[in-house]
Amino acid sequence: GASPEPCDRLSPAPFSLPPLPAAMPSSPPDVSQVLLPLGG
């Protein structure tokens, strides 16, 4: 629960959205899932 150390603003941490699938899924994701990882 410790607070993160301040970071250099010129070197922003990379965001980490889950990787996209390598191939098109058999059924498309639900629209409600498009921005699900944004909260992180």
PDB file of all heavy atoms in Angstrom:
ATOM      1  N   GLY A   1       0.812  -1.221   0.000  1.00  0.00           N
ATOM      2  CA  GLY A   1       0.000   0.000   0.000  1.00  0.00           C
ATOM      3  C   GLY A   1       0.830   1.249   0.000  1.00  0.00           C
ATOM      4  O   GLY A   1       0.309   2.347   0.111  1.00  0.00           O
ATOM      5  N   ALA A   2       2.155   1.082  -0.114  1.00  0.00           N
ATOM      6  CA  ALA A   2       3.030   2.244  -0.084  1.00  0.00           C
ATOM      7  C   ALA A   2       2.831   3.103  -1.313  1.00  0.00           C
ATOM      8  O   ALA A   2       2.554   2.607  -2.400  1.00  0.00           O
ATOM      9  CB  ALA A   2       4.489   1.795   0.000  1.00  0.00           C
ATOM     10  N   SER A   3       2.989   4.407  -1.143  1.00  0.00           N
ATOM     11  CA  SER A   3       2.841   5.337  -2.261  1.00  0.00           C
ATOM     12  C   SER A   3       4.026   5.202  -3.189  1.00  0.00           C
ATOM     13  O   SER A   3       5.164   5.003  -2.740  1.00  0.00           O
ATOM     14  CB  SER A   3       2.760   6.779  -1.753  1.00  0.00           C
ATOM     15  OG  SER A   3       1.660   6.931  -0.910  1.00  0.00           O
ATOM     16  N   PRO A   4       3.816   5.263  -4.528  1.00  0.00           N
ATOM     17  CA  PRO A   4       4.916   5.158  -5.475  1.00  0.00           C
ATOM     18  C   PRO A   4       5.855   6.340  -5.362  1.00  0.00           C
ATOM     19  O   PRO A   4       5.451   7.446  -5.014  1.00  0.00           O
ATOM     20  CB  PRO A   4       4.204   5.132  -6.838  1.00  0.00           C
ATOM     21  CG  PRO A   4       2.919   5.829  -6.596  1.00  0.00           C
ATOM     22  CD  PRO A   4       2.532   5.494  -5.186  1.00  0.00           C
ATOM     23  N   GLU A   5       7.119   6.094  -5.639  1.00  0.00           N
ATOM     24  CA  GLU A   5       8.109   7.148  -5.627  1.00  0.00           C
ATOM     25  C   GLU A   5       7.854   8.112  -6.784  1.00  0.00           C
ATOM     26  O   GLU A   5       7.403   7.694  -7.857  1.00  0.00           O
ATOM     27  CB  GLU A   5       9.511   6.552  -5.758  1.00  0.00           C
ATOM     28  CG  GLU A   5       9.944   5.713  -4.550  1.00  0.00           C
ATOM     29  CD  GLU A   5      10.094   6.565  -3.300  1.00  0.00           C
ATOM     30  OE1 GLU A   5      10.560   7.713  -3.430  1.00  0.00           O
ATOM     31  OE2 GLU A   5       9.731   6.088  -2.211  1.00  0.00           O
ATOM     32  N   PRO A   6       8.129   9.405  -6.618  1.00  0.00           N
ATOM     33  CA  PRO A   6       7.964  10.359  -7.732  1.00  0.00           C
ATOM     34  C   PRO A   6       8.829   9.933  -8.902  1.00  0.00           C
ATOM     35  O   PRO A   6       9.947   9.462  -8.731  1.00  0.00           O
ATOM     36  CB  PRO A   6       8.441  11.680  -7.118  1.00  0.00           C
ATOM     37  CG  PRO A   6       8.314  11.505  -5.645  1.00  0.00           C
ATOM     38  CD  PRO A   6       8.583  10.053  -5.372  1.00  0.00           C
ATOM     39  N   CYS A   7       8.321  10.090 -10.120  1.00  0.00           N
ATOM     40  CA  CYS A   7       9.073   9.691 -11.303  1.00  0.00           C
ATOM     41  C   CYS A   7       9.429  10.918 -12.128  1.00  0.00           C
ATOM     42  O   CYS A   7       8.813  11.963 -12.008  1.00  0.00           O
ATOM     43  CB  CYS A   7       8.267   8.705 -12.165  1.00  0.00           C
ATOM     44  SG  CYS A   7       6.723   9.380 -12.775  1.00  0.00           S
ATOM     45  N   ASP A   8      10.441  10.759 -12.948  1.00  0.00           N
ATOM     46  CA  ASP A   8      10.873  11.826 -13.837  1.00  0.00           C
ATOM     47  C   ASP A   8       9.788  12.061 -14.867  1.00  0.00           C
ATOM     48  O   ASP A   8       9.418  11.157 -15.621  1.00  0.00           O
ATOM     49  CB  ASP A   8      12.185  11.392 -14.515  1.00  0.00           C
ATOM     50  CG  ASP A   8      12.748  12.491 -15.398  1.00  0.00           C
ATOM     51  OD1 ASP A   8      12.076  13.537 -15.571  1.00  0.00           O
ATOM     52  OD2 ASP A   8      13.850  12.286 -15.912  1.00  0.00           O
ATOM     53  N   ARG A   9       9.260  13.264 -14.981  1.00  0.00           N
ATOM     54  CA  ARG A   9       8.158  13.554 -15.898  1.00  0.00           C
ATOM     55  C   ARG A   9       8.580  13.438 -17.351  1.00  0.00           C
ATOM     56  O   ARG A   9       7.753  13.356 -18.236  1.00  0.00           O
ATOM     57  CB  ARG A   9       7.600  14.944 -15.616  1.00  0.00           C
ATOM     58  CG  ARG A   9       6.966  15.076 -14.245  1.00  0.00           C
ATOM     59  CD  ARG A   9       6.313  16.439 -14.092  1.00  0.00           C
ATOM     60  NE  ARG A   9       5.216  16.587 -15.032  1.00  0.00           N
ATOM     61  CZ  ARG A   9       3.996  16.126 -14.813  1.00  0.00           C
ATOM     62  NH1 ARG A   9       3.713  15.428 -13.729  1.00  0.00           N
ATOM     63  NH2 ARG A   9       3.042  16.339 -15.697  1.00  0.00           N
ATOM     64  N   LEU A  10       9.899  13.415 -17.615  1.00  0.00           N
ATOM     65  CA  LEU A  10      10.352  13.265 -18.985  1.00  0.00           C
ATOM     66  C   LEU A  10      10.411  11.801 -19.401  1.00  0.00           C
ATOM     67  O   LEU A  10      10.623  11.486 -20.560  1.00  0.00           O
ATOM     68  CB  LEU A  10      11.744  13.902 -19.152  1.00  0.00           C
ATOM     69  CG  LEU A  10      11.800  15.413 -18.926  1.00  0.00           C
ATOM     70  CD1 LEU A  10      13.229  15.904 -19.098  1.00  0.00           C
ATOM     71  CD2 LEU A  10      10.872  16.134 -19.887  1.00  0.00           C
ATOM     72  N   SER A  11      10.233  10.885 -18.435  1.00  0.00           N
ATOM     73  CA  SER A  11      10.278   9.458 -18.732  1.00  0.00           C
ATOM     74  C   SER A  11       9.033   8.787 -18.185  1.00  0.00           C
ATOM     75  O   SER A  11       9.069   8.092 -17.176  1.00  0.00           O
ATOM     76  CB  SER A  11      11.535   8.827 -18.117  1.00  0.00           C
ATOM     77  OG  SER A  11      12.687   9.457 -18.603  1.00  0.00           O
ATOM     78  N   PRO A  12       7.864   9.013 -18.812  1.00  0.00           N
ATOM     79  CA  PRO A  12       6.607   8.478 -18.300  1.00  0.00           C
ATOM     80  C   PRO A  12       6.596   6.961 -18.318  1.00  0.00           C
ATOM     81  O   PRO A  12       7.127   6.331 -19.221  1.00  0.00           O
ATOM     82  CB  PRO A  12       5.559   9.057 -19.259  1.00  0.00           C
ATOM     83  CG  PRO A  12       6.310   9.324 -20.507  1.00  0.00           C
ATOM     84  CD  PRO A  12       7.682   9.746 -20.073  1.00  0.00           C
ATOM     85  N   ALA A  13       5.983   6.385 -17.303  1.00  0.00           N
ATOM     86  CA  ALA A  13       5.871   4.934 -17.247  1.00  0.00           C
ATOM     87  C   ALA A  13       4.966   4.450 -18.358  1.00  0.00           C
ATOM     88  O   ALA A  13       3.954   5.063 -18.659  1.00  0.00           O
ATOM     89  CB  ALA A  13       5.291   4.529 -15.883  1.00  0.00           C
ATOM     90  N   PRO A  14       5.316   3.340 -18.988  1.00  0.00           N
ATOM     91  CA  PRO A  14       4.471   2.820 -20.066  1.00  0.00           C
ATOM     92  C   PRO A  14       3.148   2.322 -19.514  1.00  0.00           C
ATOM     93  O   PRO A  14       3.098   1.750 -18.424  1.00  0.00           O
ATOM     94  CB  PRO A  14       5.301   1.666 -20.634  1.00  0.00           C
ATOM     95  CG  PRO A  14       6.160   1.239 -19.495  1.00  0.00           C
ATOM     96  CD  PRO A  14       6.487   2.492 -18.743  1.00  0.00           C
ATOM     97  N   PHE A  15       2.061   2.555 -20.242  1.00  0.00           N
ATOM     98  CA  PHE A  15       0.785   2.042 -19.800  1.00  0.00           C
ATOM     99  C   PHE A  15       0.719   0.557 -20.104  1.00  0.00           C
ATOM    100  O   PHE A  15       1.502   0.029 -20.881  1.00  0.00           O
ATOM    101  CB  PHE A  15      -0.374   2.791 -20.472  1.00  0.00           C
ATOM    102  CG  PHE A  15      -0.518   2.546 -21.926  1.00  0.00           C
ATOM    103  CD1 PHE A  15      -1.340   1.535 -22.384  1.00  0.00           C
ATOM    104  CD2 PHE A  15       0.162   3.317 -22.849  1.00  0.00           C
ATOM    105  CE1 PHE A  15      -1.484   1.309 -23.729  1.00  0.00           C
ATOM    106  CE2 PHE A  15       0.023   3.096 -24.197  1.00  0.00           C
ATOM    107  CZ  PHE A  15      -0.796   2.084 -24.645  1.00  0.00           C
ATOM    108  N   SER A  16      -0.194  -0.153 -19.483  1.00  0.00           N
ATOM    109  CA  SER A  16      -0.191  -1.604 -19.604  1.00  0.00           C
ATOM    110  C   SER A  16      -1.593  -2.145 -19.838  1.00  0.00           C
ATOM    111  O   SER A  16      -2.124  -2.889 -19.032  1.00  0.00           O
ATOM    112  CB  SER A  16       0.404  -2.239 -18.344  1.00  0.00           C
ATOM    113  OG  SER A  16      -0.292  -1.798 -17.187  1.00  0.00           O
ATOM    114  N   LEU A  17      -2.203  -1.719 -20.921  1.00  0.00           N
ATOM    115  CA  LEU A  17      -3.446  -2.358 -21.325  1.00  0.00           C
ATOM    116  C   LEU A  17      -3.134  -3.800 -21.695  1.00  0.00           C
ATOM    117  O   LEU A  17      -2.085  -4.088 -22.269  1.00  0.00           O
ATOM    118  CB  LEU A  17      -4.053  -1.648 -22.537  1.00  0.00           C
ATOM    119  CG  LEU A  17      -4.689  -0.291 -22.292  1.00  0.00           C
ATOM    120  CD1 LEU A  17      -5.146   0.313 -23.599  1.00  0.00           C
ATOM    121  CD2 LEU A  17      -5.858  -0.381 -21.347  1.00  0.00           C
ATOM    122  N   PRO A  18      -4.018  -4.745 -21.388  1.00  0.00           N
ATOM    123  CA  PRO A  18      -3.776  -6.126 -21.788  1.00  0.00           C
ATOM    124  C   PRO A  18      -3.566  -6.223 -23.291  1.00  0.00           C
ATOM    125  O   PRO A  18      -4.149  -5.449 -24.057  1.00  0.00           O
ATOM    126  CB  PRO A  18      -5.075  -6.829 -21.365  1.00  0.00           C
ATOM    127  CG  PRO A  18      -5.614  -5.989 -20.255  1.00  0.00           C
ATOM    128  CD  PRO A  18      -5.249  -4.583 -20.625  1.00  0.00           C
ATOM    129  N   PRO A  19      -2.714  -7.148 -23.747  1.00  0.00           N
ATOM    130  CA  PRO A  19      -2.429  -7.241 -25.178  1.00  0.00           C
ATOM    131  C   PRO A  19      -3.662  -7.594 -25.985  1.00  0.00           C
ATOM    132  O   PRO A  19      -4.571  -8.273 -25.501  1.00  0.00           O
ATOM    133  CB  PRO A  19      -1.384  -8.365 -25.258  1.00  0.00           C
ATOM    134  CG  PRO A  19      -1.624  -9.173 -24.020  1.00  0.00           C
ATOM    135  CD  PRO A  19      -2.031  -8.189 -22.966  1.00  0.00           C
ATOM    136  N   LEU A  20      -3.685  -7.095 -27.215  1.00  0.00           N
ATOM    137  CA  LEU A  20      -4.775  -7.421 -28.120  1.00  0.00           C
ATOM    138  C   LEU A  20      -4.613  -8.845 -28.629  1.00  0.00           C
ATOM    139  O   LEU A  20      -3.494  -9.345 -28.735  1.00  0.00           O
ATOM    140  CB  LEU A  20      -4.762  -6.454 -29.311  1.00  0.00           C
ATOM    141  CG  LEU A  20      -5.033  -5.002 -28.942  1.00  0.00           C
ATOM    142  CD1 LEU A  20      -4.691  -4.105 -30.126  1.00  0.00           C
ATOM    143  CD2 LEU A  20      -6.483  -4.822 -28.561  1.00  0.00           C
ATOM    144  N   PRO A  21      -5.691  -9.542 -28.949  1.00  0.00           N
ATOM    145  CA  PRO A  21      -5.568 -10.903 -29.470  1.00  0.00           C
ATOM    146  C   PRO A  21      -4.854 -10.923 -30.802  1.00  0.00           C
ATOM    147  O   PRO A  21      -4.960  -9.996 -31.593  1.00  0.00           O
ATOM    148  CB  PRO A  21      -7.039 -11.347 -29.617  1.00  0.00           C
ATOM    149  CG  PRO A  21      -7.832 -10.084 -29.676  1.00  0.00           C
ATOM    150  CD  PRO A  21      -7.088  -9.091 -28.845  1.00  0.00           C
ATOM    151  N   ALA A  22      -4.115 -12.002 -31.043  1.00  0.00           N
ATOM    152  CA  ALA A  22      -3.354 -12.110 -32.286  1.00  0.00           C
ATOM    153  C   ALA A  22      -4.269 -12.301 -33.477  1.00  0.00           C
ATOM    154  O   ALA A  22      -3.937 -11.965 -34.607  1.00  0.00           O
ATOM    155  CB  ALA A  22      -2.366 -13.270 -32.184  1.00  0.00           C
ATOM    156  N   ALA A  23      -5.429 -12.868 -33.258  1.00  0.00           N
ATOM    157  CA  ALA A  23      -6.377 -13.102 -34.347  1.00  0.00           C
ATOM    158  C   ALA A  23      -7.754 -12.644 -33.909  1.00  0.00           C
ATOM    159  O   ALA A  23      -8.046 -12.531 -32.717  1.00  0.00           O
ATOM    160  CB  ALA A  23      -6.415 -14.592 -34.712  1.00  0.00           C
ATOM    161  N   MET A  24      -8.599 -12.386 -34.876  1.00  0.00           N
ATOM    162  CA  MET A  24      -9.957 -11.946 -34.583  1.00  0.00           C
ATOM    163  C   MET A  24     -10.716 -13.033 -33.842  1.00  0.00           C
ATOM    164  O   MET A  24     -10.744 -14.180 -34.264  1.00  0.00           O
ATOM    165  CB  MET A  24     -10.683 -11.625 -35.893  1.00  0.00           C
ATOM    166  CG  MET A  24     -12.119 -11.190 -35.701  1.00  0.00           C
ATOM    167  SD  MET A  24     -12.252  -9.684 -34.722  1.00  0.00           S
ATOM    168  CE  MET A  24     -11.342  -8.560 -35.733  1.00  0.00           C
ATOM    169  N   PRO A  25     -11.314 -12.740 -32.685  1.00  0.00           N
ATOM    170  CA  PRO A  25     -12.076 -13.747 -31.960  1.00  0.00           C
ATOM    171  C   PRO A  25     -13.294 -14.178 -32.753  1.00  0.00           C
ATOM    172  O   PRO A  25     -13.773 -13.469 -33.625  1.00  0.00           O
ATOM    173  CB  PRO A  25     -12.479 -13.015 -30.663  1.00  0.00           C
ATOM    174  CG  PRO A  25     -12.447 -11.566 -31.024  1.00  0.00           C
ATOM    175  CD  PRO A  25     -11.350 -11.420 -32.039  1.00  0.00           C
ATOM    176  N   SER A  26     -13.802 -15.363 -32.407  1.00  0.00           N
ATOM    177  CA  SER A  26     -14.965 -15.878 -33.130  1.00  0.00           C
ATOM    178  C   SER A  26     -16.182 -15.004 -32.921  1.00  0.00           C
ATOM    179  O   SER A  26     -17.046 -14.886 -33.774  1.00  0.00           O
ATOM    180  CB  SER A  26     -15.270 -17.310 -32.666  1.00  0.00           C
ATOM    181  OG  SER A  26     -15.463 -17.336 -31.258  1.00  0.00           O
ATOM    182  N   SER A  27     -16.279 -14.372 -31.753  1.00  0.00           N
ATOM    183  CA  SER A  27     -17.339 -13.396 -31.521  1.00  0.00           C
ATOM    184  C   SER A  27     -16.699 -12.134 -30.955  1.00  0.00           C
ATOM    185  O   SER A  27     -15.811 -12.213 -30.106  1.00  0.00           O
ATOM    186  CB  SER A  27     -18.377 -13.944 -30.532  1.00  0.00           C
ATOM    187  OG  SER A  27     -17.763 -14.258 -29.303  1.00  0.00           O
ATOM    188  N   PRO A  28     -17.111 -10.962 -31.442  1.00  0.00           N
ATOM    189  CA  PRO A  28     -16.473  -9.715 -31.006  1.00  0.00           C
ATOM    190  C   PRO A  28     -16.716  -9.442 -29.541  1.00  0.00           C
ATOM    191  O   PRO A  28     -17.735  -9.846 -28.978  1.00  0.00           O
ATOM    192  CB  PRO A  28     -17.150  -8.661 -31.896  1.00  0.00           C
ATOM    193  CG  PRO A  28     -18.446  -9.270 -32.281  1.00  0.00           C
ATOM    194  CD  PRO A  28     -18.196 -10.738 -32.399  1.00  0.00           C
ATOM    195  N   PRO A  29     -15.795  -8.732 -28.865  1.00  0.00           N
ATOM    196  CA  PRO A  29     -15.991  -8.382 -27.462  1.00  0.00           C
ATOM    197  C   PRO A  29     -17.213  -7.493 -27.292  1.00  0.00           C
ATOM    198  O   PRO A  29     -17.630  -6.791 -28.202  1.00  0.00           O
ATOM    199  CB  PRO A  29     -14.704  -7.612 -27.115  1.00  0.00           C
ATOM    200  CG  PRO A  29     -13.725  -7.956 -28.188  1.00  0.00           C
ATOM    201  CD  PRO A  29     -14.531  -8.225 -29.408  1.00  0.00           C
ATOM    202  N   ASP A  30     -17.774  -7.530 -26.100  1.00  0.00           N
ATOM    203  CA  ASP A  30     -18.899  -6.661 -25.786  1.00  0.00           C
ATOM    204  C   ASP A  30     -18.415  -5.220 -25.722  1.00  0.00           C
ATOM    205  O   ASP A  30     -17.297  -4.950 -25.296  1.00  0.00           O
ATOM    206  CB  ASP A  30     -19.496  -7.073 -24.434  1.00  0.00           C
ATOM    207  CG  ASP A  30     -20.760  -6.298 -24.116  1.00  0.00           C
ATOM    208  OD1 ASP A  30     -21.833  -6.709 -24.565  1.00  0.00           O
ATOM    209  OD2 ASP A  30     -20.645  -5.276 -23.425  1.00  0.00           O
ATOM    210  N   VAL A  31     -19.276  -4.283 -26.133  1.00  0.00           N
ATOM    211  CA  VAL A  31     -18.855  -2.880 -26.166  1.00  0.00           C
ATOM    212  C   VAL A  31     -18.488  -2.362 -24.785  1.00  0.00           C
ATOM    213  O   VAL A  31     -17.669  -1.455 -24.647  1.00  0.00           O
ATOM    214  CB  VAL A  31     -19.949  -1.981 -26.785  1.00  0.00           C
ATOM    215  CG1 VAL A  31     -20.195  -2.351 -28.231  1.00  0.00           C
ATOM    216  CG2 VAL A  31     -21.238  -2.044 -25.991  1.00  0.00           C
ATOM    217  N   SER A  32     -19.065  -2.950 -23.744  1.00  0.00           N
ATOM    218  CA  SER A  32     -18.775  -2.480 -22.388  1.00  0.00           C
ATOM    219  C   SER A  32     -17.359  -2.819 -21.950  1.00  0.00           C
ATOM    220  O   SER A  32     -16.869  -2.293 -20.952  1.00  0.00           O
ATOM    221  CB  SER A  32     -19.775  -3.090 -21.394  1.00  0.00           C
ATOM    222  OG  SER A  32     -19.622  -4.500 -21.326  1.00  0.00           O
ATOM    223  N   GLN A  33     -16.681  -3.699 -22.703  1.00  0.00           N
ATOM    224  CA  GLN A  33     -15.335  -4.126 -22.334  1.00  0.00           C
ATOM    225  C   GLN A  33     -14.241  -3.302 -22.998  1.00  0.00           C
ATOM    226  O   GLN A  33     -13.066  -3.476 -22.687  1.00  0.00           O
ATOM    227  CB  GLN A  33     -15.137  -5.605 -22.717  1.00  0.00           C
ATOM    228  CG  GLN A  33     -16.165  -6.547 -22.134  1.00  0.00           C
ATOM    229  CD  GLN A  33     -16.189  -6.510 -20.620  1.00  0.00           C
ATOM    230  OE1 GLN A  33     -15.172  -6.694 -19.972  1.00  0.00           O
ATOM    231  NE2 GLN A  33     -17.357  -6.257 -20.051  1.00  0.00           N
ATOM    232  N   VAL A  34     -14.601  -2.402 -23.917  1.00  0.00           N
ATOM    233  CA  VAL A  34     -13.593  -1.688 -24.693  1.00  0.00           C
ATOM    234  C   VAL A  34     -12.666  -0.880 -23.795  1.00  0.00           C
ATOM    235  O   VAL A  34     -11.450  -0.877 -23.964  1.00  0.00           O
ATOM    236  CB  VAL A  34     -14.257  -0.762 -25.736  1.00  0.00           C
ATOM    237  CG1 VAL A  34     -13.211   0.091 -26.438  1.00  0.00           C
ATOM    238  CG2 VAL A  34     -15.024  -1.597 -26.755  1.00  0.00           C
ATOM    239  N   LEU A  35     -13.229  -0.182 -22.814  1.00  0.00           N
ATOM    240  CA  LEU A  35     -12.429   0.670 -21.940  1.00  0.00           C
ATOM    241  C   LEU A  35     -12.284   0.112 -20.536  1.00  0.00           C
ATOM    242  O   LEU A  35     -11.878   0.814 -19.626  1.00  0.00           O
ATOM    243  CB  LEU A  35     -13.049   2.070 -21.858  1.00  0.00           C
ATOM    244  CG  LEU A  35     -13.070   2.864 -23.158  1.00  0.00           C
ATOM    245  CD1 LEU A  35     -13.630   4.249 -22.919  1.00  0.00           C
ATOM    246  CD2 LEU A  35     -11.696   2.958 -23.767  1.00  0.00           C
ATOM    247  N   LEU A  36     -12.570  -1.162 -20.356  1.00  0.00           N
ATOM    248  CA  LEU A  36     -12.527  -1.757 -19.025  1.00  0.00           C
ATOM    249  C   LEU A  36     -11.191  -1.552 -18.320  1.00  0.00           C
ATOM    250  O   LEU A  36     -11.158  -1.246 -17.128  1.00  0.00           O
ATOM    251  CB  LEU A  36     -12.857  -3.247 -19.112  1.00  0.00           C
ATOM    252  CG  LEU A  36     -13.039  -3.974 -17.778  1.00  0.00           C
ATOM    253  CD1 LEU A  36     -14.216  -3.373 -17.007  1.00  0.00           C
ATOM    254  CD2 LEU A  36     -13.273  -5.466 -18.015  1.00  0.00           C
ATOM    255  N   PRO A  37     -10.028  -1.703 -19.015  1.00  0.00           N
ATOM    256  CA  PRO A  37      -8.756  -1.558 -18.308  1.00  0.00           C
ATOM    257  C   PRO A  37      -8.364  -0.100 -18.032  1.00  0.00           C
ATOM    258  O   PRO A  37      -7.319   0.133 -17.450  1.00  0.00           O
ATOM    259  CB  PRO A  37      -7.732  -2.189 -19.280  1.00  0.00           C
ATOM    260  CG  PRO A  37      -8.544  -2.889 -20.322  1.00  0.00           C
ATOM    261  CD  PRO A  37      -9.831  -2.139 -20.393  1.00  0.00           C
ATOM    262  N   LEU A  38      -9.162   0.860 -18.448  1.00  0.00           N
ATOM    263  CA  LEU A  38      -8.765   2.261 -18.312  1.00  0.00           C
ATOM    264  C   LEU A  38      -8.600   2.682 -16.859  1.00  0.00           C
ATOM    265  O   LEU A  38      -7.756   3.508 -16.538  1.00  0.00           O
ATOM    266  CB  LEU A  38      -9.799   3.164 -18.985  1.00  0.00           C
ATOM    267  CG  LEU A  38      -9.446   4.660 -19.065  1.00  0.00           C
ATOM    268  CD1 LEU A  38      -8.262   4.851 -19.977  1.00  0.00           C
ATOM    269  CD2 LEU A  38     -10.634   5.463 -19.525  1.00  0.00           C
ATOM    270  N   GLY A  39      -9.395   2.073 -15.970  1.00  0.00           N
ATOM    271  CA  GLY A  39      -9.334   2.471 -14.568  1.00  0.00           C
ATOM    272  C   GLY A  39      -7.950   2.339 -13.970  1.00  0.00           C
ATOM    273  O   GLY A  39      -7.557   3.119 -13.099  1.00  0.00           O
ATOM    274  N   GLY A  40      -7.163   1.372 -14.426  1.00  0.00           N
ATOM    275  CA  GLY A  40      -5.818   1.174 -13.911  1.00  0.00           C
ATOM    276  C   GLY A  40      -4.858   2.268 -14.307  1.00  0.00           C
ATOM    277  O   GLY A  40      -3.740   2.339 -13.782  1.00  0.00           O
TER     278      GLY A  40
END
